Amino acid sequence: MLSSTDSFKQLEQLTKKNNQSYYSLGKELGLPTSFFSEWKRGKMMPKSDKLLILANYFGVPLEYFIKGEEDV
């Protein structure tokens, strides 16, 4: 299982690839910007329901954020 900060790096890769800001992503998915900043700083690891929302949005398996599987 990835650490919180390593899991966030997975999200960073996806947002950079899609040229998307955390603000716009949060607006689209109904997530506050504090969600992303706390995750980035390692203050929390998102629950699986939030990770599933992100996984579905980016079209990656949930394991991408949990185990770091890069097969996307």
C-alpha atoms as a PDB file:
ATOM      1  CA  MET A   1       0.000   0.000   0.000  1.00  0.00           C
ATOM      2  CA  LEU A   2       1.271   3.433  -0.915  1.00  0.00           C
ATOM      3  CA  SER A   3       1.776   6.147   1.663  1.00  0.00           C
ATOM      4  CA  SER A   4      -0.478   9.170   1.525  1.00  0.00           C
ATOM      5  CA  THR A   5       2.159  11.323  -0.172  1.00  0.00           C
ATOM      6  CA  ASP A   6       3.059   8.609  -2.691  1.00  0.00           C
ATOM      7  CA  SER A   7      -0.610   8.116  -3.452  1.00  0.00           C
ATOM      8  CA  PHE A   8      -0.919  11.843  -4.079  1.00  0.00           C
ATOM      9  CA  LYS A   9       1.965  11.624  -6.544  1.00  0.00           C
ATOM     10  CA  GLN A  10      -0.200   9.274  -8.567  1.00  0.00           C
ATOM     11  CA  LEU A  11      -2.849  12.000  -8.714  1.00  0.00           C
ATOM     12  CA  GLU A  12      -0.210  14.571  -9.670  1.00  0.00           C
ATOM     13  CA  GLN A  13       0.759  12.466 -12.668  1.00  0.00           C
ATOM     14  CA  LEU A  14      -2.831  12.294 -13.849  1.00  0.00           C
ATOM     15  CA  THR A  15      -3.566  15.988 -13.393  1.00  0.00           C
ATOM     16  CA  LYS A  16      -0.372  16.971 -15.215  1.00  0.00           C
ATOM     17  CA  LYS A  17      -1.118  14.549 -18.035  1.00  0.00           C
ATOM     18  CA  ASN A  18      -4.589  16.084 -18.387  1.00  0.00           C
ATOM     19  CA  ASN A  19      -3.380  19.668 -17.814  1.00  0.00           C
ATOM     20  CA  GLN A  20      -5.852  20.097 -14.972  1.00  0.00           C
ATOM     21  CA  SER A  21      -5.687  22.107 -11.764  1.00  0.00           C
ATOM     22  CA  TYR A  22      -6.814  20.781  -8.396  1.00  0.00           C
ATOM     23  CA  TYR A  23      -9.256  23.667  -8.197  1.00  0.00           C
ATOM     24  CA  SER A  24     -11.009  22.691 -11.439  1.00  0.00           C
ATOM     25  CA  LEU A  25     -10.908  19.006 -10.524  1.00  0.00           C
ATOM     26  CA  GLY A  26     -12.434  19.756  -7.138  1.00  0.00           C
ATOM     27  CA  LYS A  27     -15.158  21.877  -8.694  1.00  0.00           C
ATOM     28  CA  GLU A  28     -16.041  19.127 -11.157  1.00  0.00           C
ATOM     29  CA  LEU A  29     -16.092  16.380  -8.545  1.00  0.00           C
ATOM     30  CA  GLY A  30     -17.443  18.354  -5.589  1.00  0.00           C
ATOM     31  CA  LEU A  31     -14.238  18.099  -3.561  1.00  0.00           C
ATOM     32  CA  PRO A  32     -12.848  21.088  -1.633  1.00  0.00           C
ATOM     33  CA  THR A  33      -9.337  22.324  -2.411  1.00  0.00           C
ATOM     34  CA  SER A  34      -8.418  21.527   1.199  1.00  0.00           C
ATOM     35  CA  PHE A  35      -8.972  17.854   0.322  1.00  0.00           C
ATOM     36  CA  PHE A  36      -6.061  17.996  -2.109  1.00  0.00           C
ATOM     37  CA  SER A  37      -3.763  20.126   0.061  1.00  0.00           C
ATOM     38  CA  GLU A  38      -4.177  17.905   3.133  1.00  0.00           C
ATOM     39  CA  TRP A  39      -3.589  14.806   1.029  1.00  0.00           C
ATOM     40  CA  LYS A  40      -0.489  16.325  -0.564  1.00  0.00           C
ATOM     41  CA  ARG A  41       0.998  17.183   2.836  1.00  0.00           C
ATOM     42  CA  GLY A  42       0.335  13.672   4.102  1.00  0.00           C
ATOM     43  CA  LYS A  43      -2.167  14.844   6.711  1.00  0.00           C
ATOM     44  CA  MET A  44      -4.743  12.334   5.505  1.00  0.00           C
ATOM     45  CA  MET A  45      -5.277   9.485   3.115  1.00  0.00           C
ATOM     46  CA  PRO A  46      -8.581   9.759   1.253  1.00  0.00           C
ATOM     47  CA  LYS A  47     -11.162   7.107   1.955  1.00  0.00           C
ATOM     48  CA  SER A  48     -11.859   4.571  -0.737  1.00  0.00           C
ATOM     49  CA  ASP A  49     -15.099   6.260  -1.837  1.00  0.00           C
ATOM     50  CA  LYS A  50     -13.211   9.458  -2.744  1.00  0.00           C
ATOM     51  CA  LEU A  51     -10.424   7.503  -4.417  1.00  0.00           C
ATOM     52  CA  LEU A  52     -13.036   5.626  -6.428  1.00  0.00           C
ATOM     53  CA  ILE A  53     -14.520   8.923  -7.628  1.00  0.00           C
ATOM     54  CA  LEU A  54     -11.054  10.013  -8.786  1.00  0.00           C
ATOM     55  CA  ALA A  55     -10.287   6.630 -10.340  1.00  0.00           C
ATOM     56  CA  ASN A  56     -13.532   6.640 -12.305  1.00  0.00           C
ATOM     57  CA  TYR A  57     -12.991  10.216 -13.421  1.00  0.00           C
ATOM     58  CA  PHE A  58      -9.513   9.483 -14.780  1.00  0.00           C
ATOM     59  CA  GLY A  59     -10.395   6.010 -16.036  1.00  0.00           C
ATOM     60  CA  VAL A  60      -7.854   4.191 -13.880  1.00  0.00           C
ATOM     61  CA  PRO A  61      -8.331   1.270 -11.487  1.00  0.00           C
ATOM     62  CA  LEU A  62      -8.706   2.069  -7.794  1.00  0.00           C
ATOM     63  CA  GLU A  63      -5.444   0.194  -7.192  1.00  0.00           C
ATOM     64  CA  TYR A  64      -3.640   2.997  -9.048  1.00  0.00           C
ATOM     65  CA  PHE A  65      -4.003   5.172  -5.934  1.00  0.00           C
ATOM     66  CA  ILE A  66      -3.688   2.394  -3.352  1.00  0.00           C
ATOM     67  CA  LYS A  67      -0.942   0.123  -4.685  1.00  0.00           C
ATOM     68  CA  GLY A  68       0.643   2.359  -7.291  1.00  0.00           C
ATOM     69  CA  GLU A  69      -0.052  -0.026 -10.117  1.00  0.00           C
ATOM     70  CA  GLU A  70       0.868   1.854 -13.255  1.00  0.00           C
ATOM     71  CA  ASP A  71      -0.972  -0.352 -15.718  1.00  0.00           C
ATOM     72  CA  VAL A  72      -3.388   2.327 -16.880  1.00  0.00           C
END
